[in-house]
Protein backbone atom coordinates (compact mmCIF):
# COMPACT_ATOMS: atom_id res chain seq x y z
CA MET A 1 46.61 37.09 1.19
CA GLU A 2 47.88 40.88 1.50
CA SER A 3 45.58 41.97 -0.74
CA THR A 4 42.21 40.70 0.72
CA LYS A 5 43.54 42.15 4.18
CA ARG A 6 44.11 45.44 2.49
CA ILE A 7 40.55 45.35 1.13
CA LYS A 8 38.77 44.59 4.28
CA VAL A 9 40.64 47.12 5.69
CA ASP A 10 39.80 49.59 3.22
CA ILE A 11 36.04 48.52 3.91
CA ALA A 12 36.17 49.29 7.43
CA ALA A 13 37.79 52.88 6.69
CA PHE A 14 34.90 53.60 4.11
CA ALA A 15 31.70 52.16 6.31
CA PRO A 16 30.89 55.77 8.10
CA ILE A 17 31.11 57.69 4.56
CA LEU A 18 29.01 55.07 3.07
CA PHE A 19 26.50 54.83 5.85
CA LEU A 20 26.20 58.38 6.23
CA PHE A 21 25.80 59.35 2.80
CA LEU A 22 22.79 56.40 2.87
CA LEU A 23 20.87 58.24 5.77
CA LEU A 24 21.32 61.40 3.78
CA VAL A 25 19.50 59.78 0.95
CA VAL A 26 17.07 58.32 3.16
CA TYR A 27 16.27 61.36 4.77
CA SER A 28 16.32 63.82 1.83
CA ILE A 29 13.44 61.87 0.27
CA PHE A 30 11.41 61.06 3.18
CA ALA A 31 11.73 64.10 5.48
CA LYS A 32 10.68 67.26 4.60
CA ASN A 33 12.84 70.07 5.11
CA PHE A 34 15.88 68.16 5.70
CA LEU A 35 17.91 69.13 2.82
CA GLY A 36 18.73 72.87 3.19
CA ILE A 37 21.46 75.10 4.78
CA THR A 38 19.43 75.92 7.93
CA ASN A 39 18.93 72.29 8.80
CA PHE A 40 22.34 71.87 8.16
CA ILE A 41 23.87 74.61 10.52
CA ASN A 42 21.22 73.21 13.17
CA VAL A 43 22.58 69.74 12.71
CA ILE A 44 26.36 71.07 13.15
CA ARG A 45 25.27 73.23 16.06
CA GLN A 46 23.61 70.18 17.87
CA ILE A 47 26.56 67.84 17.66
CA ALA A 48 29.37 70.62 18.45
CA ILE A 49 29.62 70.16 22.23
CA THR A 50 29.42 66.26 21.61
CA GLY A 51 32.00 66.31 19.03
CA ILE A 52 34.39 68.35 20.64
CA MET A 53 34.34 65.68 23.59
CA ALA A 54 34.61 63.13 20.97
CA ILE A 55 37.66 64.81 19.58
CA GLY A 56 39.21 64.39 23.10
CA VAL A 57 38.28 60.94 23.73
CA THR A 58 39.60 59.96 20.47
CA LEU A 59 43.13 60.35 21.61
CA VAL A 60 42.59 58.53 24.41
CA ILE A 61 40.83 55.72 22.62
CA LEU A 62 44.22 55.42 20.41
CA VAL A 63 46.36 54.25 23.24
CA GLY A 64 43.78 51.65 23.96
CA GLU A 65 42.35 53.50 27.10
CA ILE A 66 38.32 55.17 28.06
CA ASP A 67 37.56 58.00 29.45
CA LEU A 68 33.89 57.82 31.49
CA SER A 69 34.29 61.14 33.21
CA ILE A 70 34.11 63.51 30.94
CA PRO A 71 30.48 64.53 30.77
CA THR A 72 30.75 65.15 34.65
CA VAL A 73 33.79 67.24 33.86
CA MET A 74 31.74 68.96 31.45
CA ALA A 75 28.92 70.11 33.64
CA PHE A 76 31.38 70.61 36.74
CA SER A 77 33.08 73.16 34.27
CA GLY A 78 30.24 74.82 33.59
CA MET A 79 29.15 75.23 36.84
CA ILE A 80 32.45 76.69 37.85
CA VAL A 81 32.68 79.36 35.39
CA ALA A 82 29.45 80.58 35.45
CA GLY A 83 29.51 80.53 39.15
CA LEU A 84 32.89 82.63 39.73
CA SER A 85 31.36 85.28 36.86
CA LYS A 86 28.31 85.80 39.16
CA GLY A 87 30.62 85.56 42.23
CA GLU A 88 28.86 82.77 43.79
CA TYR A 89 31.46 80.45 44.98
CA PHE A 90 34.26 80.97 47.80
CA GLY A 91 33.11 83.94 49.00
CA LEU A 92 34.79 85.81 45.77
CA PRO A 93 33.69 88.66 43.99
CA GLU A 94 32.66 88.60 40.11
CA ILE A 95 35.87 87.27 38.24
CA PRO A 96 35.58 88.11 34.39
CA VAL A 97 34.77 85.55 32.20
CA GLY A 98 38.09 85.21 30.61
CA ILE A 99 39.46 84.83 33.99
CA GLY A 100 37.32 82.11 35.22
CA ILE A 101 37.40 80.33 31.89
CA VAL A 102 41.47 80.00 32.47
CA VAL A 103 40.57 78.72 35.87
CA VAL A 104 38.23 76.09 34.68
CA ILE A 105 41.10 74.97 31.66
CA VAL A 106 43.56 74.50 34.57
CA VAL A 107 40.78 72.60 36.67
CA GLY A 108 40.28 70.65 33.59
CA ALA A 109 43.89 69.82 33.12
CA MET A 110 44.48 68.51 36.78
CA ILE A 111 41.43 66.11 36.55
CA GLY A 112 43.04 64.79 33.49
CA PHE A 113 46.65 64.97 34.91
CA VAL A 114 44.93 62.49 38.02
CA THR A 115 43.03 60.36 35.57
CA GLY A 116 45.97 59.86 33.58
CA TRP A 117 48.72 59.58 36.42
CA ALA A 118 46.40 56.77 37.90
CA ASN A 119 46.09 54.83 34.50
CA ALA A 120 49.86 55.39 33.37
CA ILE A 121 51.63 55.20 36.52
CA LEU A 122 49.71 53.28 39.16
CA GLY A 123 48.14 50.75 36.11
CA ILE A 124 44.31 51.16 36.73
CA PRO A 125 42.42 50.70 33.62
CA GLY A 126 41.37 54.10 32.02
CA PHE A 127 37.85 53.39 32.73
CA MET A 128 37.97 52.50 36.16
CA ALA A 129 40.04 55.55 36.95
CA SER A 130 37.88 57.74 34.86
CA LEU A 131 34.75 56.50 36.42
CA ALA A 132 36.29 57.08 39.83
CA MET A 133 37.05 60.19 38.82
CA GLN A 134 33.54 60.97 37.74
CA PHE A 135 32.24 60.20 41.06
CA VAL A 136 34.94 62.47 42.49
CA CYS A 137 33.68 65.58 40.06
CA SER A 138 30.01 64.74 40.90
CA GLY A 139 30.87 64.91 44.82
CA LEU A 140 32.42 68.12 44.54
CA MET A 141 29.93 69.77 42.19
CA LEU A 142 27.32 68.88 44.50
CA MET A 143 29.26 70.31 47.33
CA LEU A 144 30.17 73.48 45.48
CA THR A 145 26.42 74.20 44.20
CA ASN A 146 23.94 72.47 46.10
CA ALA A 147 22.63 71.18 42.92
CA LYS A 148 21.59 74.97 42.36
CA PRO A 149 21.33 76.20 38.97
CA LEU A 150 22.48 79.44 37.87
CA PHE A 151 20.54 81.98 35.83
CA GLY A 152 21.31 85.41 34.48
CA LEU A 153 25.03 84.76 33.16
CA LYS A 154 27.07 87.40 31.51
CA SER A 155 26.46 88.03 28.07
CA GLU A 156 30.23 87.65 27.38
CA LEU A 157 29.70 83.53 28.35
CA THR A 158 26.53 83.11 26.59
CA PHE A 159 27.97 84.52 23.64
CA LEU A 160 30.02 81.84 23.21
CA GLY A 161 27.52 79.21 23.12
CA SER A 162 24.93 81.32 21.35
CA GLY A 163 26.32 83.83 19.74
CA TYR A 164 27.47 84.70 15.80
CA LEU A 165 29.80 85.72 13.86
CA PHE A 166 30.54 86.40 10.22
CA ASN A 167 27.54 87.02 8.99
CA GLY A 168 25.44 84.56 10.87
CA ILE A 169 27.84 81.66 11.51
CA PRO A 170 27.12 80.46 15.30
CA VAL A 171 30.21 80.57 17.55
CA ILE A 172 29.90 76.89 18.85
CA ILE A 173 30.47 75.89 15.02
CA VAL A 174 33.47 78.08 14.78
CA VAL A 175 34.80 76.67 18.12
CA PHE A 176 34.14 73.34 17.02
CA LEU A 177 35.77 73.74 13.75
CA VAL A 178 38.93 75.03 15.29
CA VAL A 179 39.56 72.30 17.84
CA PHE A 180 38.51 69.60 15.00
CA ILE A 181 41.52 71.17 12.80
CA VAL A 182 43.77 71.65 15.70
CA GLY A 183 42.97 67.54 16.58
CA LEU A 184 43.43 66.90 12.68
CA PHE A 185 46.79 68.55 12.79
CA VAL A 186 47.98 67.07 15.85
CA LEU A 187 47.00 63.42 14.58
CA LYS A 188 48.59 63.55 11.54
CA TYR A 189 51.91 65.68 11.64
CA THR A 190 53.08 65.32 15.37
CA VAL A 191 55.14 63.17 17.01
CA PHE A 192 52.75 63.14 19.88
CA GLY A 193 50.18 62.01 17.54
CA ARG A 194 52.16 59.36 16.10
CA ASN A 195 53.23 58.07 19.30
CA LEU A 196 49.78 57.88 20.51
CA TYR A 197 49.33 55.17 17.36
CA ALA A 198 52.39 53.46 18.50
CA ILE A 199 51.32 52.62 22.13
CA GLY A 200 48.01 51.99 20.79
CA GLY A 201 49.49 49.31 18.71
CA ASN A 202 51.93 47.79 20.91
CA ALA A 203 52.99 49.91 24.37
CA ASP A 204 55.31 47.38 24.96
CA ALA A 205 57.13 48.06 21.47
CA ALA A 206 56.57 51.62 21.62
CA ARG A 207 58.44 51.75 25.09
CA MET A 208 61.51 49.87 23.55
CA ALA A 209 61.39 52.20 20.90
CA GLY A 210 61.99 55.19 23.12
CA ILE A 211 58.70 56.69 23.71
CA ASN A 212 57.50 58.18 27.23
CA VAL A 213 54.41 55.71 27.39
CA ALA A 214 53.16 57.13 30.57
CA ARG A 215 53.85 60.98 29.53
CA ASN A 216 51.88 60.36 26.28
CA LYS A 217 49.18 58.75 28.04
CA ILE A 218 48.79 61.46 30.84
CA ALA A 219 48.88 63.95 27.93
CA ALA A 220 46.01 62.47 26.09
CA PHE A 221 43.91 62.42 29.42
CA ILE A 222 45.15 65.96 30.15
CA ILE A 223 43.64 67.16 26.43
CA CYS A 224 40.45 64.95 26.53
CA SER A 225 39.83 66.74 29.99
CA VAL A 226 40.67 70.04 28.83
CA LEU A 227 38.57 69.69 25.57
CA ALA A 228 35.56 68.71 27.98
CA CYS A 229 35.71 71.69 29.89
CA ILE A 230 35.47 73.78 26.60
CA ALA A 231 32.54 71.60 26.08
CA GLY A 232 30.89 72.68 29.38
CA ILE A 233 31.75 76.43 28.71
CA LEU A 234 29.71 76.11 25.23
CA MET A 235 27.16 74.55 26.92
CA VAL A 236 26.47 76.95 29.51
CA GLY A 237 26.39 79.81 27.01
CA ARG A 238 24.24 77.38 24.74
CA ILE A 239 21.69 76.72 27.28
CA GLY A 240 21.85 80.23 28.86
CA SER A 241 22.07 78.44 32.48
CA ALA A 242 24.51 76.30 34.59
CA GLN A 243 22.95 73.23 35.51
CA VAL A 244 24.27 69.92 37.45
CA THR A 245 22.71 67.81 35.36
CA ALA A 246 24.21 69.28 32.07
CA GLY A 247 26.06 65.67 31.26
CA ASP A 248 23.18 63.79 31.82
CA GLY A 249 22.36 62.00 28.54
CA LEU A 250 25.98 62.15 27.23
CA GLN A 251 27.48 59.64 28.87
CA MET A 252 28.68 57.64 26.10
CA GLN A 253 27.79 59.71 23.09
CA PRO A 254 31.48 61.29 22.37
CA ILE A 255 32.80 57.40 22.80
CA ALA A 256 29.98 56.43 20.37
CA GLY A 257 30.88 58.86 17.79
CA ALA A 258 34.81 57.78 17.63
CA VAL A 259 33.61 54.24 17.28
CA LEU A 260 31.40 54.62 15.02
CA GLY A 261 34.08 56.62 12.86
CA GLY A 262 36.08 53.82 13.16
CA ALA A 263 38.10 54.07 15.90
CA SER A 264 39.22 50.74 17.40
CA LEU A 265 38.45 50.01 21.26
CA PHE A 266 41.53 48.09 21.39
CA GLY A 267 43.70 50.90 20.46
CA GLY A 268 46.05 52.14 17.71
CA LYS A 269 43.48 52.70 15.31
CA GLY A 270 40.99 56.00 14.46
CA THR A 271 41.04 59.25 12.99
CA MET A 272 40.01 62.88 13.76
CA LEU A 273 38.32 62.57 10.03
CA GLY A 274 36.46 59.16 11.29
CA THR A 275 35.36 60.98 14.58
CA LEU A 276 33.62 63.97 12.68
CA LEU A 277 31.89 61.56 10.60
CA GLY A 278 30.81 59.38 13.41
CA VAL A 279 29.38 62.20 15.18
CA LEU A 280 28.14 63.43 11.85
CA ILE A 281 25.94 60.13 11.87
CA MET A 282 24.59 60.17 15.35
CA GLY A 283 23.62 64.01 14.61
CA VAL A 284 22.27 63.55 11.60
CA LEU A 285 20.51 60.11 12.50
CA VAL A 286 18.60 61.82 15.56
CA ASN A 287 17.85 64.78 13.13
CA GLY A 288 16.04 63.08 10.34
CA LEU A 289 14.21 61.03 12.79
CA ASN A 290 13.17 64.23 14.53
CA LEU A 291 11.67 65.60 11.27
CA LEU A 292 9.94 62.31 10.35
CA GLY A 293 8.40 62.47 13.96
CA ALA A 294 9.74 59.77 15.49
CA GLY A 295 9.29 59.65 19.52
CA THR A 296 12.41 59.45 21.65
CA GLU A 297 11.61 56.00 22.32
CA ILE A 298 11.94 55.53 18.48
CA GLN A 299 15.44 57.36 18.31
CA LYS A 300 16.99 55.60 21.45
CA LEU A 301 15.95 52.04 20.12
CA VAL A 302 17.22 53.11 16.48
CA THR A 303 20.52 54.35 17.77
CA GLY A 304 21.42 51.59 19.83
CA LEU A 305 21.06 49.17 17.48
CA ILE A 306 23.31 50.88 15.10
CA LEU A 307 25.85 51.39 17.97
CA PHE A 308 25.63 47.42 18.46
CA VAL A 309 26.24 47.27 14.69
CA ALA A 310 29.19 49.38 14.68
CA VAL A 311 30.78 48.15 17.65
CA ALA A 312 30.35 44.36 16.28
CA PHE A 313 31.92 45.68 13.09
CA ASN A 314 34.60 47.37 14.72
CA ILE A 315 35.52 44.27 16.55
CA TRP A 316 35.35 42.42 13.53
CA SER A 317 37.37 44.59 11.10
CA ALA A 318 39.83 44.41 13.95
CA ARG A 319 40.39 41.03 14.30
CA LYS A 320 39.98 40.59 10.19
CA ALA A 321 42.99 43.24 10.04
CA GLY A 322 44.95 41.52 12.64
């Protein structure tokens, strides 16, 4: 019985790798120009923003919660940093991009703190607390901007999303990899990371073991929101403008990436490597379909079916492991 359970857990852990490998094989046969360094860099650039948000939401999922506010926080942060750098808001003069980024990070931390506090202290489920915060941020963003997009951004800001380093490596990819490495280290080698697993596995047992459940949950939400802000800054730089609709279409992609990578919606299970694989699966899937000439409707249909299967497998493996 012990060996059978262990094999099933291993299958669940290696499923994302196997599926990604199958995608690579199929697309390399049928999609012209799929295999190539240019296309590979293009895929990583495309998943970077979603990947950064997925890394943050993985921490929240590990404690058995969901943060639905991150796409709105991303768009809100992009509008703030762009507006401050252009002197558009609050009657302030133009502010250096670096200071604007610090302001945005502080705002993101405050948003995450409120959501985490509502969840950990008031007992409001994470998805409801973050959904409420999503509406709050959306309302504040519309009040601040009047839904007016901002163009003509400073080069220091656009460089972060569309510039290059080290002989042609996009800055956005470098930032993504740094965030991933830090996230990997935090989960694998820090007390905070171990605490998240313990809380997601059994919050009551974690509390009895001396873990401050509320503080760790709040910290997870704060980090998630801060990473959404970083994604928003990169998004502004990538598209060259700030838009209130920048988060549209990204409502579930970060969460889906974490789940595809094996994170359990019940908490206590998931890895940064798995999340990276999940986001890669989504990126490769869409990229290959584009190269094959599939329309948007086909892409959404296939992605939806794969997510359905992934969630079903996620729940099945969690029950078998339990």
